[in-house]
PDB file of N, CA and C in Angstrom:
ATOM      1  N   UNK A   1      18.754  22.935  52.351  1.00  0.00           N
ATOM      2  CA  UNK A   1      17.696  23.818  51.930  1.00  0.00           C
ATOM      3  C   UNK A   1      17.098  24.486  53.167  1.00  0.00           C
ATOM      4  N   UNK A   2      16.949  25.797  53.125  1.00  0.00           N
ATOM      5  CA  UNK A   2      16.316  26.466  54.261  1.00  0.00           C
ATOM      6  C   UNK A   2      14.818  26.624  54.009  1.00  0.00           C
ATOM      7  N   UNK A   3      14.105  27.072  55.038  1.00  0.00           N
ATOM      8  CA  UNK A   3      12.644  27.108  54.936  1.00  0.00           C
ATOM      9  C   UNK A   3      12.132  28.037  53.847  1.00  0.00           C
ATOM     10  N   UNK A   4      12.878  29.051  53.463  1.00  0.00           N
ATOM     11  CA  UNK A   4      12.395  29.956  52.420  1.00  0.00           C
ATOM     12  C   UNK A   4      12.391  29.280  51.049  1.00  0.00           C
ATOM     13  N   UNK A   5      13.049  28.149  50.927  1.00  0.00           N
ATOM     14  CA  UNK A   5      13.084  27.422  49.658  1.00  0.00           C
ATOM     15  C   UNK A   5      12.059  26.293  49.598  1.00  0.00           C
ATOM     16  N   UNK A   6      11.390  26.021  50.703  1.00  0.00           N
ATOM     17  CA  UNK A   6      10.398  24.956  50.711  1.00  0.00           C
ATOM     18  C   UNK A   6       9.206  25.364  49.882  1.00  0.00           C
ATOM     19  N   UNK A   7       8.621  24.414  49.248  1.00  0.00           N
ATOM     20  CA  UNK A   7       7.387  24.659  48.507  1.00  0.00           C
ATOM     21  C   UNK A   7       6.340  23.691  48.999  1.00  0.00           C
ATOM     22  N   UNK A   8       5.132  24.174  49.085  1.00  0.00           N
ATOM     23  CA  UNK A   8       4.076  23.302  49.568  1.00  0.00           C
ATOM     24  C   UNK A   8       3.801  22.216  48.550  1.00  0.00           C
ATOM     25  N   UNK A   9       3.232  21.149  49.032  1.00  0.00           N
ATOM     26  CA  UNK A   9       2.859  20.042  48.152  1.00  0.00           C
ATOM     27  C   UNK A   9       1.900  20.538  47.070  1.00  0.00           C
ATOM     28  N   UNK A  10       0.950  21.388  47.460  1.00  0.00           N
ATOM     29  CA  UNK A  10      -0.011  21.929  46.496  1.00  0.00           C
ATOM     30  C   UNK A  10       0.718  22.720  45.408  1.00  0.00           C
ATOM     31  N   UNK A  11       1.618  23.585  45.810  1.00  0.00           N
ATOM     32  CA  UNK A  11       2.377  24.378  44.844  1.00  0.00           C
ATOM     33  C   UNK A  11       3.175  23.465  43.907  1.00  0.00           C
ATOM     34  N   UNK A  12       3.767  22.440  44.476  1.00  0.00           N
ATOM     35  CA  UNK A  12       4.554  21.522  43.657  1.00  0.00           C
ATOM     36  C   UNK A  12       3.665  20.790  42.661  1.00  0.00           C
ATOM     37  N   UNK A  13       2.461  20.385  43.082  1.00  0.00           N
ATOM     38  CA  UNK A  13       1.530  19.719  42.168  1.00  0.00           C
ATOM     39  C   UNK A  13       1.075  20.670  41.065  1.00  0.00           C
ATOM     40  N   UNK A  14       0.760  21.913  41.447  1.00  0.00           N
ATOM     41  CA  UNK A  14       0.295  22.894  40.466  1.00  0.00           C
ATOM     42  C   UNK A  14       1.375  23.239  39.440  1.00  0.00           C
ATOM     43  N   UNK A  15       2.620  23.160  39.853  1.00  0.00           N
ATOM     44  CA  UNK A  15       3.712  23.462  38.922  1.00  0.00           C
ATOM     45  C   UNK A  15       4.075  22.254  38.063  1.00  0.00           C
ATOM     46  N   UNK A  16       3.338  21.154  38.238  1.00  0.00           N
ATOM     47  CA  UNK A  16       3.540  19.986  37.391  1.00  0.00           C
ATOM     48  C   UNK A  16       4.584  19.010  37.889  1.00  0.00           C
ATOM     49  N   UNK A  17       5.106  19.236  39.065  1.00  0.00           N
ATOM     50  CA  UNK A  17       6.117  18.326  39.617  1.00  0.00           C
ATOM     51  C   UNK A  17       5.466  16.998  39.972  1.00  0.00           C
ATOM     52  N   UNK A  18       6.118  15.913  39.636  1.00  0.00           N
ATOM     53  CA  UNK A  18       5.600  14.583  39.974  1.00  0.00           C
ATOM     54  C   UNK A  18       5.940  14.287  41.431  1.00  0.00           C
ATOM     55  N   UNK A  19       4.916  13.877  42.164  1.00  0.00           N
ATOM     56  CA  UNK A  19       5.121  13.531  43.567  1.00  0.00           C
ATOM     57  C   UNK A  19       4.692  12.088  43.786  1.00  0.00           C
ATOM     58  N   UNK A  20       5.491  11.373  44.555  1.00  0.00           N
ATOM     59  CA  UNK A  20       5.098  10.015  44.916  1.00  0.00           C
ATOM     60  C   UNK A  20       3.900  10.081  45.851  1.00  0.00           C
ATOM     61  N   UNK A  21       3.028   9.107  45.745  1.00  0.00           N
ATOM     62  CA  UNK A  21       1.847   9.058  46.603  1.00  0.00           C
ATOM     63  C   UNK A  21       2.277   8.931  48.058  1.00  0.00           C
ATOM     64  N   UNK A  22       1.636   9.683  48.908  1.00  0.00           N
ATOM     65  CA  UNK A  22       1.907   9.627  50.337  1.00  0.00           C
ATOM     66  C   UNK A  22       0.565   9.624  51.059  1.00  0.00           C
ATOM     67  N   UNK A  23      -0.017   8.440  51.269  1.00  0.00           N
ATOM     68  CA  UNK A  23      -1.348   8.354  51.868  1.00  0.00           C
ATOM     69  C   UNK A  23      -1.448   9.026  53.244  1.00  0.00           C
ATOM     70  N   UNK A  24      -0.404   8.934  54.033  1.00  0.00           N
ATOM     71  CA  UNK A  24      -0.440   9.550  55.362  1.00  0.00           C
ATOM     72  C   UNK A  24      -0.511  11.072  55.239  1.00  0.00           C
ATOM     73  N   UNK A  25       0.283  11.637  54.354  1.00  0.00           N
ATOM     74  CA  UNK A  25       0.243  13.084  54.122  1.00  0.00           C
ATOM     75  C   UNK A  25      -1.147  13.490  53.650  1.00  0.00           C
ATOM     76  N   UNK A  26      -1.689  12.755  52.700  1.00  0.00           N
ATOM     77  CA  UNK A  26      -3.012  13.072  52.152  1.00  0.00           C
ATOM     78  C   UNK A  26      -4.078  13.009  53.242  1.00  0.00           C
ATOM     79  N   UNK A  27      -4.006  12.030  54.123  1.00  0.00           N
ATOM     80  CA  UNK A  27      -4.971  11.893  55.210  1.00  0.00           C
ATOM     81  C   UNK A  27      -4.894  13.084  56.165  1.00  0.00           C
ATOM     82  N   UNK A  28      -3.689  13.433  56.565  1.00  0.00           N
ATOM     83  CA  UNK A  28      -3.499  14.549  57.497  1.00  0.00           C
ATOM     84  C   UNK A  28      -3.927  15.863  56.849  1.00  0.00           C
ATOM     85  N   UNK A  29      -3.590  16.052  55.581  1.00  0.00           N
ATOM     86  CA  UNK A  29      -3.955  17.271  54.865  1.00  0.00           C
ATOM     87  C   UNK A  29      -5.478  17.402  54.773  1.00  0.00           C
ATOM     88  N   UNK A  30      -6.132  16.308  54.461  1.00  0.00           N
ATOM     89  CA  UNK A  30      -7.585  16.300  54.348  1.00  0.00           C
ATOM     90  C   UNK A  30      -8.239  16.622  55.698  1.00  0.00           C
ATOM     91  N   UNK A  31      -7.758  16.001  56.761  1.00  0.00           N
ATOM     92  CA  UNK A  31      -8.305  16.263  58.097  1.00  0.00           C
ATOM     93  C   UNK A  31      -8.078  17.713  58.499  1.00  0.00           C
ATOM     94  N   UNK A  32      -6.923  18.259  58.175  1.00  0.00           N
ATOM     95  CA  UNK A  32      -6.641  19.657  58.513  1.00  0.00           C
ATOM     96  C   UNK A  32      -7.608  20.586  57.796  1.00  0.00           C
ATOM     97  N   UNK A  33      -7.904  20.296  56.545  1.00  0.00           N
ATOM     98  CA  UNK A  33      -8.851  21.121  55.799  1.00  0.00           C
ATOM     99  C   UNK A  33     -10.242  21.083  56.404  1.00  0.00           C
ATOM    100  N   UNK A  34     -10.682  19.898  56.799  1.00  0.00           N
ATOM    101  CA  UNK A  34     -11.991  19.763  57.431  1.00  0.00           C
ATOM    102  C   UNK A  34     -12.011  20.481  58.779  1.00  0.00           C
ATOM    103  N   UNK A  35     -10.943  20.352  59.550  1.00  0.00           N
ATOM    104  CA  UNK A  35     -10.860  21.014  60.855  1.00  0.00           C
ATOM    105  C   UNK A  35     -10.883  22.528  60.698  1.00  0.00           C
ATOM    106  N   UNK A  36     -10.213  23.039  59.669  1.00  0.00           N
ATOM    107  CA  UNK A  36     -10.204  24.481  59.428  1.00  0.00           C
ATOM    108  C   UNK A  36     -11.589  24.990  59.034  1.00  0.00           C
ATOM    109  N   UNK A  37     -12.292  24.243  58.195  1.00  0.00           N
ATOM    110  CA  UNK A  37     -13.641  24.620  57.792  1.00  0.00           C
ATOM    111  C   UNK A  37     -14.552  24.686  59.018  1.00  0.00           C
ATOM    112  N   UNK A  38     -14.492  23.665  59.851  1.00  0.00           N
ATOM    113  CA  UNK A  38     -15.309  23.626  61.053  1.00  0.00           C
ATOM    114  C   UNK A  38     -14.916  24.742  62.019  1.00  0.00           C
ATOM    115  N   UNK A  39     -13.630  24.917  62.245  1.00  0.00           N
ATOM    116  CA  UNK A  39     -13.158  25.930  63.185  1.00  0.00           C
ATOM    117  C   UNK A  39     -13.591  27.332  62.811  1.00  0.00           C
ATOM    118  N   UNK A  40     -13.496  27.657  61.538  1.00  0.00           N
ATOM    119  CA  UNK A  40     -13.917  28.989  61.081  1.00  0.00           C
ATOM    120  C   UNK A  40     -15.413  29.172  61.264  1.00  0.00           C
ATOM    121  N   UNK A  41     -16.197  28.148  60.935  1.00  0.00           N
ATOM    122  CA  UNK A  41     -17.644  28.246  61.090  1.00  0.00           C
ATOM    123  C   UNK A  41     -18.034  28.419  62.558  1.00  0.00           C
ATOM    124  N   UNK A  42     -17.375  27.693  63.450  1.00  0.00           N
ATOM    125  CA  UNK A  42     -17.662  27.806  64.882  1.00  0.00           C
ATOM    126  C   UNK A  42     -17.317  29.209  65.370  1.00  0.00           C
ATOM    127  N   UNK A  43     -16.142  29.690  65.002  1.00  0.00           N
ATOM    128  CA  UNK A  43     -15.722  31.031  65.413  1.00  0.00           C
ATOM    129  C   UNK A  43     -16.705  32.088  64.905  1.00  0.00           C
ATOM    130  N   UNK A  44     -17.037  32.014  63.617  1.00  0.00           N
ATOM    131  CA  UNK A  44     -17.941  33.007  63.024  1.00  0.00           C
ATOM    132  C   UNK A  44     -19.306  32.991  63.705  1.00  0.00           C
ATOM    133  N   UNK A  45     -19.847  31.804  63.927  1.00  0.00           N
ATOM    134  CA  UNK A  45     -21.173  31.694  64.539  1.00  0.00           C
ATOM    135  C   UNK A  45     -21.144  32.142  65.995  1.00  0.00           C
ATOM    136  N   UNK A  46     -20.088  31.786  66.711  1.00  0.00           N
ATOM    137  CA  UNK A  46     -19.973  32.212  68.114  1.00  0.00           C
ATOM    138  C   UNK A  46     -19.961  33.729  68.201  1.00  0.00           C
ATOM    139  N   UNK A  47     -19.190  34.362  67.315  1.00  0.00           N
ATOM    140  CA  UNK A  47     -19.117  35.823  67.296  1.00  0.00           C
ATOM    141  C   UNK A  47     -20.458  36.431  66.890  1.00  0.00           C
ATOM    142  N   UNK A  48     -21.123  35.805  65.923  1.00  0.00           N
ATOM    143  CA  UNK A  48     -22.429  36.279  65.467  1.00  0.00           C
ATOM    144  C   UNK A  48     -23.437  36.278  66.622  1.00  0.00           C
ATOM    145  N   UNK A  49     -23.354  35.280  67.473  1.00  0.00           N
ATOM    146  CA  UNK A  49     -24.259  35.177  68.619  1.00  0.00           C
ATOM    147  C   UNK A  49     -23.811  36.023  69.808  1.00  0.00           C
ATOM    148  N   UNK A  50     -22.622  36.627  69.706  1.00  0.00           N
ATOM    149  CA  UNK A  50     -22.114  37.460  70.789  1.00  0.00           C
ATOM    150  C   UNK A  50     -21.629  36.662  71.991  1.00  0.00           C
ATOM    151  N   UNK A  51     -21.190  35.444  71.735  1.00  0.00           N
ATOM    152  CA  UNK A  51     -20.712  34.570  72.810  1.00  0.00           C
ATOM    153  C   UNK A  51     -19.199  34.628  72.939  1.00  0.00           C
ATOM    154  N   UNK A  52     -18.718  34.532  74.156  1.00  0.00           N
ATOM    155  CA  UNK A  52     -17.285  34.368  74.379  1.00  0.00           C
ATOM    156  C   UNK A  52     -16.964  32.874  74.291  1.00  0.00           C
ATOM    157  N   UNK A  53     -15.681  32.552  74.266  1.00  0.00           N
ATOM    158  CA  UNK A  53     -15.295  31.138  74.308  1.00  0.00           C
ATOM    159  C   UNK A  53     -15.810  30.496  75.591  1.00  0.00           C
ATOM    160  N   UNK A  54     -15.769  31.247  76.695  1.00  0.00           N
ATOM    161  CA  UNK A  54     -16.243  30.715  77.977  1.00  0.00           C
ATOM    162  C   UNK A  54     -17.748  30.445  77.929  1.00  0.00           C
ATOM    163  N   UNK A  55     -18.507  31.346  77.277  1.00  0.00           N
ATOM    164  CA  UNK A  55     -19.957  31.137  77.150  1.00  0.00           C
ATOM    165  C   UNK A  55     -20.251  29.856  76.375  1.00  0.00           C
ATOM    166  N   UNK A  56     -19.556  29.679  75.260  1.00  0.00           N
ATOM    167  CA  UNK A  56     -19.775  28.484  74.449  1.00  0.00           C
ATOM    168  C   UNK A  56     -19.355  27.232  75.209  1.00  0.00           C
ATOM    169  N   UNK A  57     -18.231  27.308  75.905  1.00  0.00           N
ATOM    170  CA  UNK A  57     -17.768  26.167  76.695  1.00  0.00           C
ATOM    171  C   UNK A  57     -18.813  25.785  77.741  1.00  0.00           C
ATOM    172  N   UNK A  58     -19.424  26.779  78.360  1.00  0.00           N
ATOM    173  CA  UNK A  58     -20.459  26.504  79.363  1.00  0.00           C
ATOM    174  C   UNK A  58     -21.667  25.831  78.718  1.00  0.00           C
ATOM    175  N   UNK A  59     -22.082  26.314  77.547  1.00  0.00           N
ATOM    176  CA  UNK A  59     -23.207  25.700  76.836  1.00  0.00           C
ATOM    177  C   UNK A  59     -22.935  24.241  76.481  1.00  0.00           C
ATOM    178  N   UNK A  60     -21.660  23.941  76.201  1.00  0.00           N
ATOM    179  CA  UNK A  60     -21.291  22.588  75.776  1.00  0.00           C
ATOM    180  C   UNK A  60     -20.816  21.709  76.927  1.00  0.00           C
ATOM    181  N   UNK A  61     -20.721  22.284  78.115  1.00  0.00           N
ATOM    182  CA  UNK A  61     -20.212  21.558  79.281  1.00  0.00           C
ATOM    183  C   UNK A  61     -18.789  21.045  79.020  1.00  0.00           C
ATOM    184  N   UNK A  62     -17.953  21.973  78.578  1.00  0.00           N
ATOM    185  CA  UNK A  62     -16.553  21.642  78.297  1.00  0.00           C
ATOM    186  C   UNK A  62     -15.677  22.803  78.746  1.00  0.00           C
ATOM    187  N   UNK A  63     -14.434  22.817  78.288  1.00  0.00           N
ATOM    188  CA  UNK A  63     -13.485  23.850  78.693  1.00  0.00           C
ATOM    189  C   UNK A  63     -13.244  24.847  77.564  1.00  0.00           C
ATOM    190  N   UNK A  64     -12.762  26.021  77.936  1.00  0.00           N
ATOM    191  CA  UNK A  64     -12.404  27.012  76.921  1.00  0.00           C
ATOM    192  C   UNK A  64     -11.232  26.510  76.082  1.00  0.00           C
ATOM    193  N   UNK A  65     -10.376  25.684  76.662  1.00  0.00           N
ATOM    194  CA  UNK A  65      -9.264  25.113  75.886  1.00  0.00           C
ATOM    195  C   UNK A  65      -9.786  24.267  74.731  1.00  0.00           C
ATOM    196  N   UNK A  66     -10.864  23.497  74.974  1.00  0.00           N
ATOM    197  CA  UNK A  66     -11.427  22.685  73.895  1.00  0.00           C
ATOM    198  C   UNK A  66     -12.020  23.579  72.804  1.00  0.00           C
ATOM    199  N   UNK A  67     -12.689  24.654  73.202  1.00  0.00           N
ATOM    200  CA  UNK A  67     -13.271  25.579  72.224  1.00  0.00           C
ATOM    201  C   UNK A  67     -12.159  26.221  71.408  1.00  0.00           C
ATOM    202  N   UNK A  68     -11.115  26.659  72.065  1.00  0.00           N
ATOM    203  CA  UNK A  68      -9.983  27.265  71.366  1.00  0.00           C
ATOM    204  C   UNK A  68      -9.353  26.271  70.383  1.00  0.00           C
ATOM    205  N   UNK A  69      -9.213  25.023  70.809  1.00  0.00           N
ATOM    206  CA  UNK A  69      -8.649  23.997  69.936  1.00  0.00           C
ATOM    207  C   UNK A  69      -9.496  23.761  68.697  1.00  0.00           C
ATOM    208  N   UNK A  70     -10.809  23.797  68.864  1.00  0.00           N
ATOM    209  CA  UNK A  70     -11.708  23.614  67.722  1.00  0.00           C
ATOM    210  C   UNK A  70     -11.597  24.803  66.774  1.00  0.00           C
ATOM    211  N   UNK A  71     -11.646  26.006  67.329  1.00  0.00           N
ATOM    212  CA  UNK A  71     -11.618  27.210  66.489  1.00  0.00           C
ATOM    213  C   UNK A  71     -10.286  27.409  65.779  1.00  0.00           C
ATOM    214  N   UNK A  72      -9.205  26.961  66.375  1.00  0.00           N
ATOM    215  CA  UNK A  72      -7.893  27.117  65.741  1.00  0.00           C
ATOM    216  C   UNK A  72      -7.493  25.890  64.948  1.00  0.00           C
ATOM    217  N   UNK A  73      -8.424  24.952  64.802  1.00  0.00           N
ATOM    218  CA  UNK A  73      -8.226  23.755  63.974  1.00  0.00           C
ATOM    219  C   UNK A  73      -7.031  22.930  64.423  1.00  0.00           C
ATOM    220  N   UNK A  74      -6.829  22.835  65.735  1.00  0.00           N
ATOM    221  CA  UNK A  74      -5.753  22.009  66.256  1.00  0.00           C
ATOM    222  C   UNK A  74      -5.934  20.564  65.820  1.00  0.00           C
ATOM    223  N   UNK A  75      -7.182  20.119  65.869  1.00  0.00           N
ATOM    224  CA  UNK A  75      -7.493  18.779  65.385  1.00  0.00           C
ATOM    225  C   UNK A  75      -8.988  18.716  65.086  1.00  0.00           C
ATOM    226  N   UNK A  76      -9.370  17.752  64.287  1.00  0.00           N
ATOM    227  CA  UNK A  76     -10.778  17.555  63.972  1.00  0.00           C
ATOM    228  C   UNK A  76     -11.435  16.859  65.159  1.00  0.00           C
ATOM    229  N   UNK A  77     -12.446  17.497  65.770  1.00  0.00           N
ATOM    230  CA  UNK A  77     -13.066  16.883  66.951  1.00  0.00           C
ATOM    231  C   UNK A  77     -13.911  15.672  66.579  1.00  0.00           C
ATOM    232  N   UNK A  78     -14.158  14.814  67.549  1.00  0.00           N
ATOM    233  CA  UNK A  78     -15.026  13.653  67.312  1.00  0.00           C
ATOM    234  C   UNK A  78     -16.443  14.091  66.947  1.00  0.00           C
ATOM    235  N   UNK A  79     -17.174  13.209  66.305  1.00  0.00           N
ATOM    236  CA  UNK A  79     -18.532  13.526  65.857  1.00  0.00           C
ATOM    237  C   UNK A  79     -19.418  13.936  67.028  1.00  0.00           C
ATOM    238  N   UNK A  80     -19.273  13.314  68.176  1.00  0.00           N
ATOM    239  CA  UNK A  80     -20.092  13.682  69.332  1.00  0.00           C
ATOM    240  C   UNK A  80     -19.885  15.148  69.716  1.00  0.00           C
ATOM    241  N   UNK A  81     -18.657  15.622  69.629  1.00  0.00           N
ATOM    242  CA  UNK A  81     -18.364  17.025  69.950  1.00  0.00           C
ATOM    243  C   UNK A  81     -18.957  17.936  68.871  1.00  0.00           C
ATOM    244  N   UNK A  82     -18.877  17.527  67.621  1.00  0.00           N
ATOM    245  CA  UNK A  82     -19.469  18.314  66.532  1.00  0.00           C
ATOM    246  C   UNK A  82     -20.983  18.430  66.735  1.00  0.00           C
ATOM    247  N   UNK A  83     -21.614  17.355  67.180  1.00  0.00           N
ATOM    248  CA  UNK A  83     -23.055  17.389  67.445  1.00  0.00           C
ATOM    249  C   UNK A  83     -23.376  18.359  68.578  1.00  0.00           C
ATOM    250  N   UNK A  84     -22.559  18.346  69.620  1.00  0.00           N
ATOM    251  CA  UNK A  84     -22.780  19.287  70.734  1.00  0.00           C
ATOM    252  C   UNK A  84     -22.571  20.720  70.280  1.00  0.00           C
ATOM    253  N   UNK A  85     -21.577  20.941  69.419  1.00  0.00           N
ATOM    254  CA  UNK A  85     -21.346  22.279  68.869  1.00  0.00           C
ATOM    255  C   UNK A  85     -22.565  22.756  68.088  1.00  0.00           C
ATOM    256  N   UNK A  86     -23.089  21.886  67.246  1.00  0.00           N
ATOM    257  CA  UNK A  86     -24.242  22.248  66.425  1.00  0.00           C
ATOM    258  C   UNK A  86     -25.418  22.653  67.308  1.00  0.00           C
ATOM    259  N   UNK A  87     -25.671  21.894  68.354  1.00  0.00           N
ATOM    260  CA  UNK A  87     -26.776  22.240  69.263  1.00  0.00           C
ATOM    261  C   UNK A  87     -26.511  23.554  69.986  1.00  0.00           C
ATOM    262  N   UNK A  88     -25.299  23.725  70.482  1.00  0.00           N
ATOM    263  CA  UNK A  88     -24.965  24.921  71.260  1.00  0.00           C
ATOM    264  C   UNK A  88     -25.001  26.193  70.419  1.00  0.00           C
ATOM    265  N   UNK A  89     -24.721  26.064  69.120  1.00  0.00           N
ATOM    266  CA  UNK A  89     -24.664  27.231  68.241  1.00  0.00           C
ATOM    267  C   UNK A  89     -25.850  27.317  67.284  1.00  0.00           C
ATOM    268  N   UNK A  90     -26.826  26.430  67.447  1.00  0.00           N
ATOM    269  CA  UNK A  90     -27.994  26.385  66.575  1.00  0.00           C
ATOM    270  C   UNK A  90     -27.562  26.334  65.105  1.00  0.00           C
ATOM    271  N   UNK A  91     -26.734  25.337  64.795  1.00  0.00           N
ATOM    272  CA  UNK A  91     -26.209  25.141  63.442  1.00  0.00           C
ATOM    273  C   UNK A  91     -26.660  23.791  62.902  1.00  0.00           C
ATOM    274  N   UNK A  92     -26.653  23.682  61.594  1.00  0.00           N
ATOM    275  CA  UNK A  92     -26.823  22.397  60.942  1.00  0.00           C
ATOM    276  C   UNK A  92     -25.478  22.022  60.358  1.00  0.00           C
ATOM    277  N   UNK A  93     -24.992  20.840  60.687  1.00  0.00           N
ATOM    278  CA  UNK A  93     -23.713  20.367  60.172  1.00  0.00           C
ATOM    279  C   UNK A  93     -23.973  19.128  59.330  1.00  0.00           C
ATOM    280  N   UNK A  94     -23.687  19.227  58.035  1.00  0.00           N
ATOM    281  CA  UNK A  94     -23.838  18.097  57.127  1.00  0.00           C
ATOM    282  C   UNK A  94     -22.447  17.623  56.730  1.00  0.00           C
ATOM    283  N   UNK A  95     -22.194  16.323  56.923  1.00  0.00           N
ATOM    284  CA  UNK A  95     -20.907  15.755  56.529  1.00  0.00           C
ATOM    285  C   UNK A  95     -21.142  14.706  55.466  1.00  0.00           C
ATOM    286  N   UNK A  96     -20.354  14.785  54.415  1.00  0.00           N
ATOM    287  CA  UNK A  96     -20.423  13.801  53.339  1.00  0.00           C
ATOM    288  C   UNK A  96     -19.132  12.996  53.403  1.00  0.00           C
ATOM    289  N   UNK A  97     -19.242  11.736  53.769  1.00  0.00           N
ATOM    290  CA  UNK A  97     -18.062  10.900  53.997  1.00  0.00           C
ATOM    291  C   UNK A  97     -18.120   9.608  53.192  1.00  0.00           C
ATOM    292  N   UNK A  98     -18.686   9.656  51.996  1.00  0.00           N
ATOM    293  CA  UNK A  98     -18.833   8.453  51.178  1.00  0.00           C
ATOM    294  C   UNK A  98     -17.481   7.962  50.675  1.00  0.00           C
ATOM    295  N   UNK A  99     -17.342   6.651  50.616  1.00  0.00           N
ATOM    296  CA  UNK A  99     -16.098   6.053  50.118  1.00  0.00           C
ATOM    297  C   UNK A  99     -15.848   6.493  48.683  1.00  0.00           C
ATOM    298  N   UNK A 100     -14.606   6.835  48.402  1.00  0.00           N
ATOM    299  CA  UNK A 100     -14.225   7.225  47.050  1.00  0.00           C
ATOM    300  C   UNK A 100     -14.424   8.701  46.752  1.00  0.00           C
ATOM    301  N   UNK A 101     -15.237   9.386  47.540  1.00  0.00           N
ATOM    302  CA  UNK A 101     -15.456  10.815  47.344  1.00  0.00           C
ATOM    303  C   UNK A 101     -14.600  11.597  48.324  1.00  0.00           C
ATOM    304  N   UNK A 102     -14.322  12.847  47.968  1.00  0.00           N
ATOM    305  CA  UNK A 102     -13.609  13.719  48.881  1.00  0.00           C
ATOM    306  C   UNK A 102     -14.567  14.110  50.009  1.00  0.00           C
ATOM    307  N   UNK A 103     -14.186  13.941  51.274  1.00  0.00           N
ATOM    308  CA  UNK A 103     -15.075  14.309  52.381  1.00  0.00           C
ATOM    309  C   UNK A 103     -15.350  15.807  52.376  1.00  0.00           C
ATOM    310  N   UNK A 104     -16.554  16.163  52.703  1.00  0.00           N
ATOM    311  CA  UNK A 104     -16.908  17.575  52.816  1.00  0.00           C
ATOM    312  C   UNK A 104     -17.705  17.793  54.087  1.00  0.00           C
ATOM    313  N   UNK A 105     -17.618  19.009  54.601  1.00  0.00           N
ATOM    314  CA  UNK A 105     -18.409  19.438  55.748  1.00  0.00           C
ATOM    315  C   UNK A 105     -19.097  20.723  55.337  1.00  0.00           C
ATOM    316  N   UNK A 106     -20.420  20.744  55.444  1.00  0.00           N
ATOM    317  CA  UNK A 106     -21.185  21.939  55.154  1.00  0.00           C
ATOM    318  C   UNK A 106     -21.859  22.382  56.441  1.00  0.00           C
ATOM    319  N   UNK A 107     -21.684  23.645  56.776  1.00  0.00           N
ATOM    320  CA  UNK A 107     -22.232  24.168  58.020  1.00  0.00           C
ATOM    321  C   UNK A 107     -23.173  25.307  57.663  1.00  0.00           C
ATOM    322  N   UNK A 108     -24.409  25.206  58.147  1.00  0.00           N
ATOM    323  CA  UNK A 108     -25.427  26.182  57.792  1.00  0.00           C
ATOM    324  C   UNK A 108     -25.990  26.820  59.051  1.00  0.00           C
ATOM    325  N   UNK A 109     -25.996  28.159  59.076  1.00  0.00           N
ATOM    326  CA  UNK A 109     -26.640  28.903  60.152  1.00  0.00           C
ATOM    327  C   UNK A 109     -28.092  29.132  59.766  1.00  0.00           C
ATOM    328  N   UNK A 110     -28.960  29.264  60.747  1.00  0.00           N
ATOM    329  CA  UNK A 110     -30.352  29.564  60.422  1.00  0.00           C
ATOM    330  C   UNK A 110     -30.442  30.896  59.686  1.00  0.00           C
ATOM    331  N   UNK A 111     -31.422  31.033  58.813  1.00  0.00           N
ATOM    332  CA  UNK A 111     -31.603  32.282  58.083  1.00  0.00           C
ATOM    333  C   UNK A 111     -31.907  33.413  59.065  1.00  0.00           C
ATOM    334  N   UNK A 112     -31.304  34.540  58.806  1.00  0.00           N
ATOM    335  CA  UNK A 112     -31.501  35.687  59.714  1.00  0.00           C
ATOM    336  C   UNK A 112     -32.791  36.404  59.401  1.00  0.00           C
TER     337      UNK A 112
END
């Protein structure tokens, strides 16, 4: 099978195909979704404030590579980094991580 014939797990589920449980896949998929939500919010807020990646990195005392990794959702950063991001971008980050519930991240910018 070549790559043009691959179907995403989501597409396969939506089409009614039965899939065996794969906890590792589910964990990685969930983390990727959270990382993407955070990355987009960071990018949008940074642009809204007129900051470059270098400006944000300086505010956070980190590197532009780390900022790029966060914005492109390379991986979900540790909570300490998320806290520094929130302070540097004047954001409120609410995470819901209760057992049994789907984790969510809500990011709120101050009212304009």
